N, C-alpha and C. Protein backbone atom coordinates (compact mmCIF):
# COMPACT_ATOMS: atom_id res chain seq x y z
N MET A 1 92.71 44.00 126.21
CA MET A 1 92.32 45.37 126.00
C MET A 1 90.80 45.42 126.32
N LYS A 2 90.42 46.52 127.00
CA LYS A 2 88.99 46.67 127.33
C LYS A 2 88.22 47.35 126.17
N HIS A 3 87.00 46.93 126.03
CA HIS A 3 86.08 47.50 125.03
C HIS A 3 84.70 47.67 125.58
N VAL A 4 83.87 48.43 124.85
CA VAL A 4 82.47 48.54 125.18
C VAL A 4 81.65 48.22 123.91
N ALA A 5 80.67 47.43 124.10
CA ALA A 5 79.69 47.14 123.04
C ALA A 5 78.34 47.81 123.45
N LEU A 6 77.81 48.52 122.48
CA LEU A 6 76.48 49.18 122.62
C LEU A 6 75.51 48.44 121.72
N LEU A 7 74.46 47.90 122.22
CA LEU A 7 73.46 47.23 121.41
C LEU A 7 72.36 48.25 121.08
N ARG A 8 71.90 48.22 119.91
CA ARG A 8 70.84 49.15 119.47
C ARG A 8 69.44 48.48 119.59
N GLY A 9 68.51 49.18 120.20
CA GLY A 9 67.13 48.74 120.20
C GLY A 9 66.74 47.54 120.96
N ILE A 10 67.39 47.16 122.08
CA ILE A 10 66.95 46.05 122.86
C ILE A 10 66.22 46.61 124.12
N ASN A 11 65.25 45.81 124.54
CA ASN A 11 64.50 46.11 125.73
C ASN A 11 63.81 47.48 125.67
N VAL A 12 63.31 47.80 124.53
CA VAL A 12 62.56 49.05 124.30
C VAL A 12 61.14 48.75 123.86
N GLY A 13 60.21 49.14 124.72
CA GLY A 13 58.77 48.96 124.42
C GLY A 13 58.42 47.51 124.38
N GLY A 14 59.03 46.70 125.11
CA GLY A 14 58.71 45.26 125.16
C GLY A 14 59.24 44.45 123.97
N HIS A 15 60.04 45.09 123.14
CA HIS A 15 60.56 44.45 121.93
C HIS A 15 62.05 43.99 122.16
N HIS A 16 62.43 43.00 121.52
CA HIS A 16 63.82 42.51 121.52
C HIS A 16 64.36 42.44 122.99
N LYS A 17 63.63 41.62 123.78
CA LYS A 17 63.98 41.51 125.13
C LYS A 17 65.22 40.63 125.34
N ILE A 18 66.21 41.15 126.08
CA ILE A 18 67.40 40.33 126.37
C ILE A 18 67.73 40.60 127.86
N ARG A 19 67.81 39.52 128.61
CA ARG A 19 68.24 39.71 130.05
C ARG A 19 69.79 39.90 130.02
N MET A 20 70.21 40.81 130.83
CA MET A 20 71.68 41.14 130.83
C MET A 20 72.53 39.96 131.31
N SER A 21 71.94 39.12 132.15
CA SER A 21 72.76 37.94 132.56
C SER A 21 72.93 36.98 131.38
N ASP A 22 71.87 36.89 130.52
CA ASP A 22 72.02 36.04 129.37
C ASP A 22 72.98 36.65 128.34
N LEU A 23 73.00 37.99 128.28
CA LEU A 23 73.91 38.63 127.31
C LEU A 23 75.34 38.42 127.80
N ARG A 24 75.61 38.50 129.09
CA ARG A 24 76.93 38.20 129.54
C ARG A 24 77.42 36.82 129.17
N VAL A 25 76.56 35.86 129.25
CA VAL A 25 76.89 34.56 128.87
C VAL A 25 77.28 34.42 127.39
N VAL A 26 76.62 35.16 126.53
CA VAL A 26 76.88 35.16 125.12
C VAL A 26 78.33 35.70 124.90
N PHE A 27 78.59 36.84 125.60
CA PHE A 27 79.92 37.39 125.37
C PHE A 27 81.03 36.51 125.98
N GLU A 28 80.75 35.86 127.07
CA GLU A 28 81.72 34.94 127.67
C GLU A 28 81.87 33.71 126.66
N GLY A 29 80.85 33.29 126.05
CA GLY A 29 80.93 32.19 125.06
C GLY A 29 81.78 32.53 123.82
N LEU A 30 81.91 33.87 123.60
CA LEU A 30 82.81 34.24 122.48
C LEU A 30 84.27 34.34 122.97
N GLY A 31 84.56 34.02 124.15
CA GLY A 31 85.93 34.01 124.69
C GLY A 31 86.29 35.36 125.37
N PHE A 32 85.33 36.24 125.50
CA PHE A 32 85.65 37.52 126.16
C PHE A 32 85.68 37.34 127.61
N THR A 33 86.46 38.18 128.31
CA THR A 33 86.64 37.99 129.79
C THR A 33 86.19 39.25 130.46
N VAL A 34 86.10 39.16 131.77
CA VAL A 34 85.71 40.36 132.65
C VAL A 34 84.50 41.06 132.04
N VAL A 35 83.44 40.31 131.75
CA VAL A 35 82.30 40.86 131.10
C VAL A 35 81.30 41.48 132.17
N GLN A 36 80.98 42.68 131.96
CA GLN A 36 80.03 43.42 132.77
C GLN A 36 78.98 44.08 131.89
N THR A 37 77.76 44.13 132.39
CA THR A 37 76.72 44.90 131.71
C THR A 37 76.28 46.03 132.63
N TYR A 38 75.75 47.04 132.00
CA TYR A 38 75.32 48.26 132.73
C TYR A 38 73.92 48.65 132.21
N ILE A 39 72.93 48.72 133.03
CA ILE A 39 71.54 48.89 132.83
C ILE A 39 71.03 48.02 131.66
N GLN A 40 69.77 48.10 131.41
CA GLN A 40 69.08 47.18 130.53
C GLN A 40 69.17 47.57 129.06
N SER A 41 69.72 48.64 128.73
CA SER A 41 69.76 49.14 127.35
C SER A 41 70.82 48.53 126.47
N GLY A 42 71.66 47.56 127.01
CA GLY A 42 72.56 46.80 126.19
C GLY A 42 73.92 47.47 126.09
N ASN A 43 74.52 47.65 127.30
CA ASN A 43 75.91 48.21 127.40
C ASN A 43 76.73 47.10 128.02
N VAL A 44 77.73 46.69 127.28
CA VAL A 44 78.60 45.61 127.79
C VAL A 44 80.04 46.05 127.71
N VAL A 45 80.76 45.99 128.84
CA VAL A 45 82.17 46.25 128.96
C VAL A 45 82.82 44.85 129.08
N PHE A 46 83.92 44.66 128.36
CA PHE A 46 84.57 43.39 128.40
C PHE A 46 86.03 43.53 127.90
N GLU A 47 86.80 42.49 128.16
CA GLU A 47 88.19 42.37 127.70
C GLU A 47 88.30 41.36 126.60
N ALA A 48 89.06 41.81 125.54
CA ALA A 48 89.22 40.88 124.34
C ALA A 48 90.42 41.48 123.55
N GLY A 49 90.96 40.67 122.74
CA GLY A 49 92.05 41.10 121.83
C GLY A 49 91.55 42.12 120.77
N ALA A 50 90.83 41.56 119.80
CA ALA A 50 90.31 42.36 118.66
C ALA A 50 88.88 41.85 118.30
N PRO A 51 87.92 42.23 119.05
CA PRO A 51 86.58 41.77 118.82
C PRO A 51 85.99 42.19 117.50
N GLU A 52 85.13 41.39 116.87
CA GLU A 52 84.57 41.70 115.57
C GLU A 52 83.10 41.88 115.74
N VAL A 53 82.59 43.03 115.28
CA VAL A 53 81.08 43.31 115.36
C VAL A 53 80.31 42.13 114.78
N GLU A 54 80.70 41.65 113.63
CA GLU A 54 79.92 40.61 112.94
C GLU A 54 79.69 39.39 113.80
N LEU A 55 80.83 38.99 114.47
CA LEU A 55 80.77 37.74 115.29
C LEU A 55 79.83 37.99 116.51
N ILE A 56 79.92 39.14 117.07
CA ILE A 56 79.04 39.45 118.24
C ILE A 56 77.59 39.43 117.76
N GLU A 57 77.28 40.09 116.66
CA GLU A 57 75.90 40.25 116.16
C GLU A 57 75.38 38.83 115.85
N ALA A 58 76.21 37.98 115.21
CA ALA A 58 75.76 36.66 114.89
C ALA A 58 75.54 35.84 116.09
N ALA A 59 76.34 35.96 117.15
CA ALA A 59 76.08 35.21 118.30
C ALA A 59 74.84 35.59 119.06
N ILE A 60 74.55 36.91 119.04
CA ILE A 60 73.30 37.43 119.64
C ILE A 60 72.13 36.90 118.95
N GLU A 61 72.18 36.98 117.51
CA GLU A 61 71.03 36.47 116.71
C GLU A 61 70.85 34.96 116.96
N LYS A 62 71.90 34.18 117.06
CA LYS A 62 71.77 32.76 117.25
C LYS A 62 71.13 32.48 118.65
N GLU A 63 71.54 33.21 119.66
CA GLU A 63 71.04 32.96 121.02
C GLU A 63 69.57 33.45 121.24
N PHE A 64 69.24 34.66 120.62
CA PHE A 64 67.99 35.26 120.96
C PHE A 64 67.00 35.29 119.83
N GLY A 65 67.42 34.94 118.62
CA GLY A 65 66.54 34.79 117.51
C GLY A 65 66.22 36.07 116.74
N PHE A 66 66.94 37.12 117.00
CA PHE A 66 66.73 38.38 116.22
C PHE A 66 68.07 39.12 116.13
N ARG A 67 68.16 39.85 115.05
CA ARG A 67 69.39 40.59 114.78
C ARG A 67 69.43 41.92 115.49
N VAL A 68 70.56 42.25 116.08
CA VAL A 68 70.77 43.47 116.83
C VAL A 68 72.06 44.13 116.24
N ASN A 69 71.97 45.40 116.00
CA ASN A 69 73.17 46.10 115.56
C ASN A 69 73.98 46.40 116.76
N VAL A 70 75.34 46.25 116.65
CA VAL A 70 76.26 46.45 117.76
C VAL A 70 77.28 47.50 117.30
N ILE A 71 77.50 48.44 118.28
CA ILE A 71 78.57 49.46 118.02
C ILE A 71 79.68 49.15 119.01
N LEU A 72 80.90 49.07 118.50
CA LEU A 72 82.02 48.79 119.39
C LEU A 72 82.97 50.03 119.52
N ARG A 73 83.48 50.20 120.75
CA ARG A 73 84.55 51.19 120.97
C ARG A 73 85.51 50.62 121.90
N SER A 74 86.83 50.92 121.71
CA SER A 74 87.85 50.53 122.60
C SER A 74 87.81 51.47 123.84
N ALA A 75 88.48 51.03 124.95
CA ALA A 75 88.58 51.91 126.10
C ALA A 75 89.29 53.22 125.70
N ALA A 76 90.31 53.07 124.92
CA ALA A 76 91.08 54.30 124.53
C ALA A 76 90.20 55.22 123.69
N GLY A 77 89.39 54.74 122.77
CA GLY A 77 88.43 55.60 122.04
C GLY A 77 87.37 56.21 122.96
N TRP A 78 86.96 55.52 123.97
CA TRP A 78 85.91 55.99 124.84
C TRP A 78 86.48 57.04 125.74
N ALA A 79 87.76 56.98 126.07
CA ALA A 79 88.44 57.96 126.98
C ALA A 79 88.40 59.35 126.34
N GLY A 80 88.38 59.45 125.06
CA GLY A 80 88.39 60.76 124.39
C GLY A 80 87.02 61.42 124.30
N LEU A 81 85.95 60.73 124.67
CA LEU A 81 84.61 61.30 124.49
C LEU A 81 84.40 62.58 125.29
N GLU A 82 84.85 62.63 126.49
CA GLU A 82 84.64 63.80 127.35
C GLU A 82 85.28 65.02 126.79
N SER A 83 86.51 64.91 126.33
CA SER A 83 87.24 66.05 125.81
C SER A 83 86.65 66.58 124.54
N ARG A 84 85.88 65.72 123.81
CA ARG A 84 85.31 66.16 122.52
C ARG A 84 83.86 66.64 122.73
N ASN A 85 83.35 66.46 123.91
CA ASN A 85 81.92 66.86 124.19
C ASN A 85 81.78 68.36 124.36
N PRO A 86 81.11 69.07 123.41
CA PRO A 86 80.96 70.54 123.59
C PRO A 86 79.91 70.87 124.62
N TYR A 87 79.13 69.92 125.04
CA TYR A 87 78.04 70.25 125.98
C TYR A 87 78.28 69.58 127.32
N ALA A 88 79.50 69.28 127.63
CA ALA A 88 79.88 68.65 128.91
C ALA A 88 79.49 69.51 130.16
N GLN A 89 79.40 70.78 129.98
CA GLN A 89 79.14 71.65 131.09
C GLN A 89 77.69 71.69 131.44
N GLU A 90 76.84 71.12 130.67
CA GLU A 90 75.40 71.07 130.92
C GLU A 90 75.21 70.33 132.27
N ALA A 91 74.52 70.98 133.17
CA ALA A 91 74.31 70.40 134.54
C ALA A 91 73.49 69.11 134.58
N ASP A 92 72.55 68.99 133.68
CA ASP A 92 71.71 67.84 133.60
C ASP A 92 72.21 66.85 132.57
N GLY A 93 72.92 65.78 133.04
CA GLY A 93 73.49 64.86 132.03
C GLY A 93 72.44 64.04 131.26
N THR A 94 71.20 64.18 131.59
CA THR A 94 70.20 63.43 130.91
C THR A 94 69.73 64.29 129.63
N LEU A 95 70.20 65.46 129.53
CA LEU A 95 69.82 66.36 128.39
C LEU A 95 70.89 66.35 127.28
N VAL A 96 72.07 65.76 127.63
CA VAL A 96 73.12 65.61 126.66
C VAL A 96 73.24 64.14 126.30
N HIS A 97 73.31 63.90 124.97
CA HIS A 97 73.36 62.49 124.47
C HIS A 97 74.53 62.37 123.48
N VAL A 98 74.94 61.14 123.30
CA VAL A 98 75.91 60.80 122.29
C VAL A 98 75.29 59.78 121.40
N ALA A 99 75.25 60.03 120.05
CA ALA A 99 74.90 59.00 119.02
C ALA A 99 76.11 58.35 118.59
N PHE A 100 76.25 57.10 118.76
CA PHE A 100 77.38 56.33 118.36
C PHE A 100 77.08 55.66 117.06
N LEU A 101 78.02 55.78 116.06
CA LEU A 101 77.85 55.21 114.71
C LEU A 101 79.03 54.35 114.38
N ASN A 102 78.87 53.46 113.49
CA ASN A 102 79.97 52.63 112.94
C ASN A 102 80.85 53.32 111.90
N THR A 103 80.30 54.38 111.30
CA THR A 103 81.04 55.16 110.29
C THR A 103 80.85 56.63 110.58
N VAL A 104 81.78 57.45 109.97
CA VAL A 104 81.68 58.90 110.13
C VAL A 104 80.37 59.32 109.38
N PRO A 105 79.47 60.01 110.08
CA PRO A 105 78.23 60.41 109.43
C PRO A 105 78.34 61.60 108.52
N ASP A 106 77.38 61.57 107.51
CA ASP A 106 77.25 62.63 106.60
C ASP A 106 76.56 63.82 107.32
N PRO A 107 77.10 65.04 107.36
CA PRO A 107 76.49 66.16 108.04
C PRO A 107 75.05 66.39 107.63
N ALA A 108 74.73 66.11 106.40
CA ALA A 108 73.33 66.38 105.90
C ALA A 108 72.43 65.40 106.59
N GLN A 109 72.83 64.19 106.80
CA GLN A 109 72.02 63.19 107.51
C GLN A 109 71.77 63.61 108.90
N ILE A 110 72.82 64.06 109.59
CA ILE A 110 72.73 64.49 110.99
C ILE A 110 71.75 65.64 111.15
N ALA A 111 71.82 66.58 110.24
CA ALA A 111 70.88 67.72 110.30
C ALA A 111 69.42 67.27 110.24
N THR A 112 69.16 66.17 109.53
CA THR A 112 67.78 65.76 109.40
C THR A 112 67.26 65.02 110.72
N ILE A 113 68.22 64.35 111.42
CA ILE A 113 67.80 63.64 112.62
C ILE A 113 67.63 64.59 113.79
N CYS A 114 68.19 65.82 113.72
CA CYS A 114 68.15 66.70 114.84
C CYS A 114 67.52 67.99 114.51
N ALA A 115 66.54 67.93 113.55
CA ALA A 115 66.00 69.17 112.99
C ALA A 115 65.12 70.09 113.80
N ARG A 116 64.59 69.53 114.95
CA ARG A 116 63.65 70.33 115.76
C ARG A 116 64.37 71.58 116.34
N PRO A 117 63.71 72.74 116.32
CA PRO A 117 64.33 73.95 116.92
C PRO A 117 64.70 73.73 118.39
N GLY A 118 65.80 74.27 118.82
CA GLY A 118 66.29 74.09 120.15
C GLY A 118 67.33 73.05 120.31
N ASN A 119 67.26 72.00 119.51
CA ASN A 119 68.36 70.96 119.57
C ASN A 119 69.53 71.49 118.90
N VAL A 120 70.66 71.17 119.49
CA VAL A 120 71.96 71.46 118.88
C VAL A 120 72.82 70.21 118.84
N TRP A 121 73.66 70.12 117.84
CA TRP A 121 74.49 68.92 117.72
C TRP A 121 75.87 69.30 117.21
N THR A 122 76.77 68.42 117.46
CA THR A 122 78.09 68.54 117.01
C THR A 122 78.62 67.18 116.60
N ALA A 123 79.04 66.98 115.35
CA ALA A 123 79.60 65.67 114.99
C ALA A 123 81.16 65.75 115.20
N SER A 124 81.64 64.60 115.72
CA SER A 124 83.06 64.44 115.94
C SER A 124 83.50 62.98 115.63
N GLY A 125 84.07 62.70 114.50
CA GLY A 125 84.37 61.37 114.13
C GLY A 125 83.10 60.51 113.96
N ARG A 126 83.08 59.41 114.67
CA ARG A 126 81.94 58.47 114.57
C ARG A 126 80.92 58.77 115.68
N GLU A 127 80.95 59.92 116.34
CA GLU A 127 80.05 60.27 117.31
C GLU A 127 79.33 61.57 116.99
N VAL A 128 78.11 61.72 117.43
CA VAL A 128 77.39 62.95 117.29
C VAL A 128 76.89 63.30 118.74
N TYR A 129 77.35 64.47 119.18
CA TYR A 129 76.94 65.00 120.48
C TYR A 129 75.69 65.77 120.30
N LEU A 130 74.71 65.48 121.17
CA LEU A 130 73.38 66.21 121.06
C LEU A 130 73.08 66.87 122.38
N HIS A 131 72.54 68.06 122.28
CA HIS A 131 71.92 68.72 123.45
C HIS A 131 70.49 68.93 123.11
N THR A 132 69.63 68.23 123.92
CA THR A 132 68.23 68.35 123.76
C THR A 132 67.59 68.97 124.94
N PRO A 133 67.40 70.34 124.97
CA PRO A 133 66.94 71.07 126.16
C PRO A 133 65.58 70.62 126.71
N ASP A 134 64.78 70.05 125.82
CA ASP A 134 63.41 69.62 126.24
C ASP A 134 63.41 68.12 126.56
N GLY A 135 64.57 67.48 126.55
CA GLY A 135 64.64 66.01 126.84
C GLY A 135 64.62 65.23 125.51
N LEU A 136 65.16 64.10 125.55
CA LEU A 136 65.24 63.24 124.36
C LEU A 136 63.83 62.87 123.85
N GLY A 137 62.93 62.64 124.76
CA GLY A 137 61.56 62.21 124.35
C GLY A 137 60.83 63.29 123.59
N GLN A 138 61.17 64.57 123.83
CA GLN A 138 60.54 65.68 123.15
C GLN A 138 61.39 66.27 122.04
N SER A 139 62.50 65.60 121.78
CA SER A 139 63.51 66.13 120.82
C SER A 139 63.15 65.96 119.40
N GLY A 140 62.30 65.06 119.09
CA GLY A 140 62.00 64.65 117.71
C GLY A 140 63.16 63.93 117.02
N LEU A 141 64.15 63.46 117.84
CA LEU A 141 65.26 62.75 117.28
C LEU A 141 64.83 61.55 116.45
N ASN A 142 65.33 61.38 115.32
CA ASN A 142 64.93 60.23 114.39
C ASN A 142 66.17 59.62 113.80
N LEU A 143 66.43 58.42 114.37
CA LEU A 143 67.69 57.67 113.88
C LEU A 143 67.24 56.68 112.84
N GLY A 144 66.03 56.69 112.41
CA GLY A 144 65.53 55.57 111.53
C GLY A 144 66.33 55.28 110.33
N HIS A 145 66.88 56.38 109.68
CA HIS A 145 67.63 56.13 108.44
C HIS A 145 69.11 55.86 108.71
N LEU A 146 69.55 55.91 109.99
CA LEU A 146 70.91 55.62 110.34
C LEU A 146 70.86 54.24 110.97
N LYS A 147 71.04 53.22 110.10
CA LYS A 147 70.88 51.80 110.54
C LYS A 147 71.82 51.40 111.67
N HIS A 148 73.09 51.87 111.63
CA HIS A 148 73.99 51.47 112.62
C HIS A 148 74.29 52.64 113.54
N ALA A 149 73.31 53.06 114.34
CA ALA A 149 73.59 54.18 115.30
C ALA A 149 72.73 53.81 116.58
N THR A 150 73.31 54.16 117.71
CA THR A 150 72.58 54.03 118.97
C THR A 150 72.92 55.21 119.82
N VAL A 151 72.05 55.62 120.70
CA VAL A 151 72.22 56.82 121.56
C VAL A 151 72.27 56.46 123.04
N ARG A 152 73.18 57.08 123.75
CA ARG A 152 73.30 57.00 125.19
C ARG A 152 73.33 58.39 125.80
N ASN A 153 72.68 58.56 126.97
CA ASN A 153 72.78 59.83 127.63
C ASN A 153 74.12 59.99 128.30
N TRP A 154 74.45 61.20 128.64
CA TRP A 154 75.80 61.55 129.13
C TRP A 154 76.10 60.79 130.40
N ARG A 155 75.09 60.63 131.28
CA ARG A 155 75.28 59.92 132.53
C ARG A 155 75.76 58.46 132.28
N THR A 156 75.16 57.84 131.29
CA THR A 156 75.51 56.47 130.89
C THR A 156 76.93 56.42 130.36
N VAL A 157 77.23 57.41 129.51
CA VAL A 157 78.60 57.49 128.94
C VAL A 157 79.65 57.58 130.01
N GLN A 158 79.36 58.44 131.03
CA GLN A 158 80.29 58.62 132.16
C GLN A 158 80.39 57.30 133.00
N ARG A 159 79.29 56.62 133.21
CA ARG A 159 79.31 55.41 134.01
C ARG A 159 80.12 54.34 133.25
N LEU A 160 79.95 54.25 132.01
CA LEU A 160 80.65 53.27 131.20
C LEU A 160 82.21 53.55 131.25
N ALA A 161 82.51 54.89 131.20
CA ALA A 161 83.95 55.26 131.35
C ALA A 161 84.54 54.76 132.65
N GLU A 162 83.71 54.86 133.70
CA GLU A 162 84.21 54.34 135.01
C GLU A 162 84.41 52.86 134.98
N LEU A 163 83.50 52.13 134.37
CA LEU A 163 83.66 50.69 134.21
C LEU A 163 84.88 50.30 133.40
N LEU A 164 85.15 51.11 132.41
CA LEU A 164 86.35 50.82 131.56
C LEU A 164 87.61 51.15 132.30
N GLY A 165 87.53 52.13 133.25
CA GLY A 165 88.56 52.57 134.15
C GLY A 165 89.90 52.44 133.79
């Protein structure tokens, strides 16, 4: 079965640097097959029976010396993202983002991370869809209190869907 692993906070601002070729080796070392990475932000598509987040996080920490939060989704779960995206018609896929979480978020928490005027959001299960008309960098998005969350823009989500194929 195909899965996607999203790593939080790697290769950002010179911190937690991980080469994608090295990351592939870690995933292959866990017995996963057909391992592919996409861009430097820590997106890994792979085949496995029932991968466990804790094992992946521990293997990454052992190899690179720092802890990274990992969000896992199955190919089947990923396939439903587009139908649940209320902002899919936005022409610029870099203005639409998805925050991926390990648990269903509390709406009050989500309201605080997206509080800047102009931003809109919709929670759906363990994902939060965001439309940031001024771009993510100007959005004021603050995931600091959501330990297990990572964000990808809509173009990345679509490309990963293609890789999961």
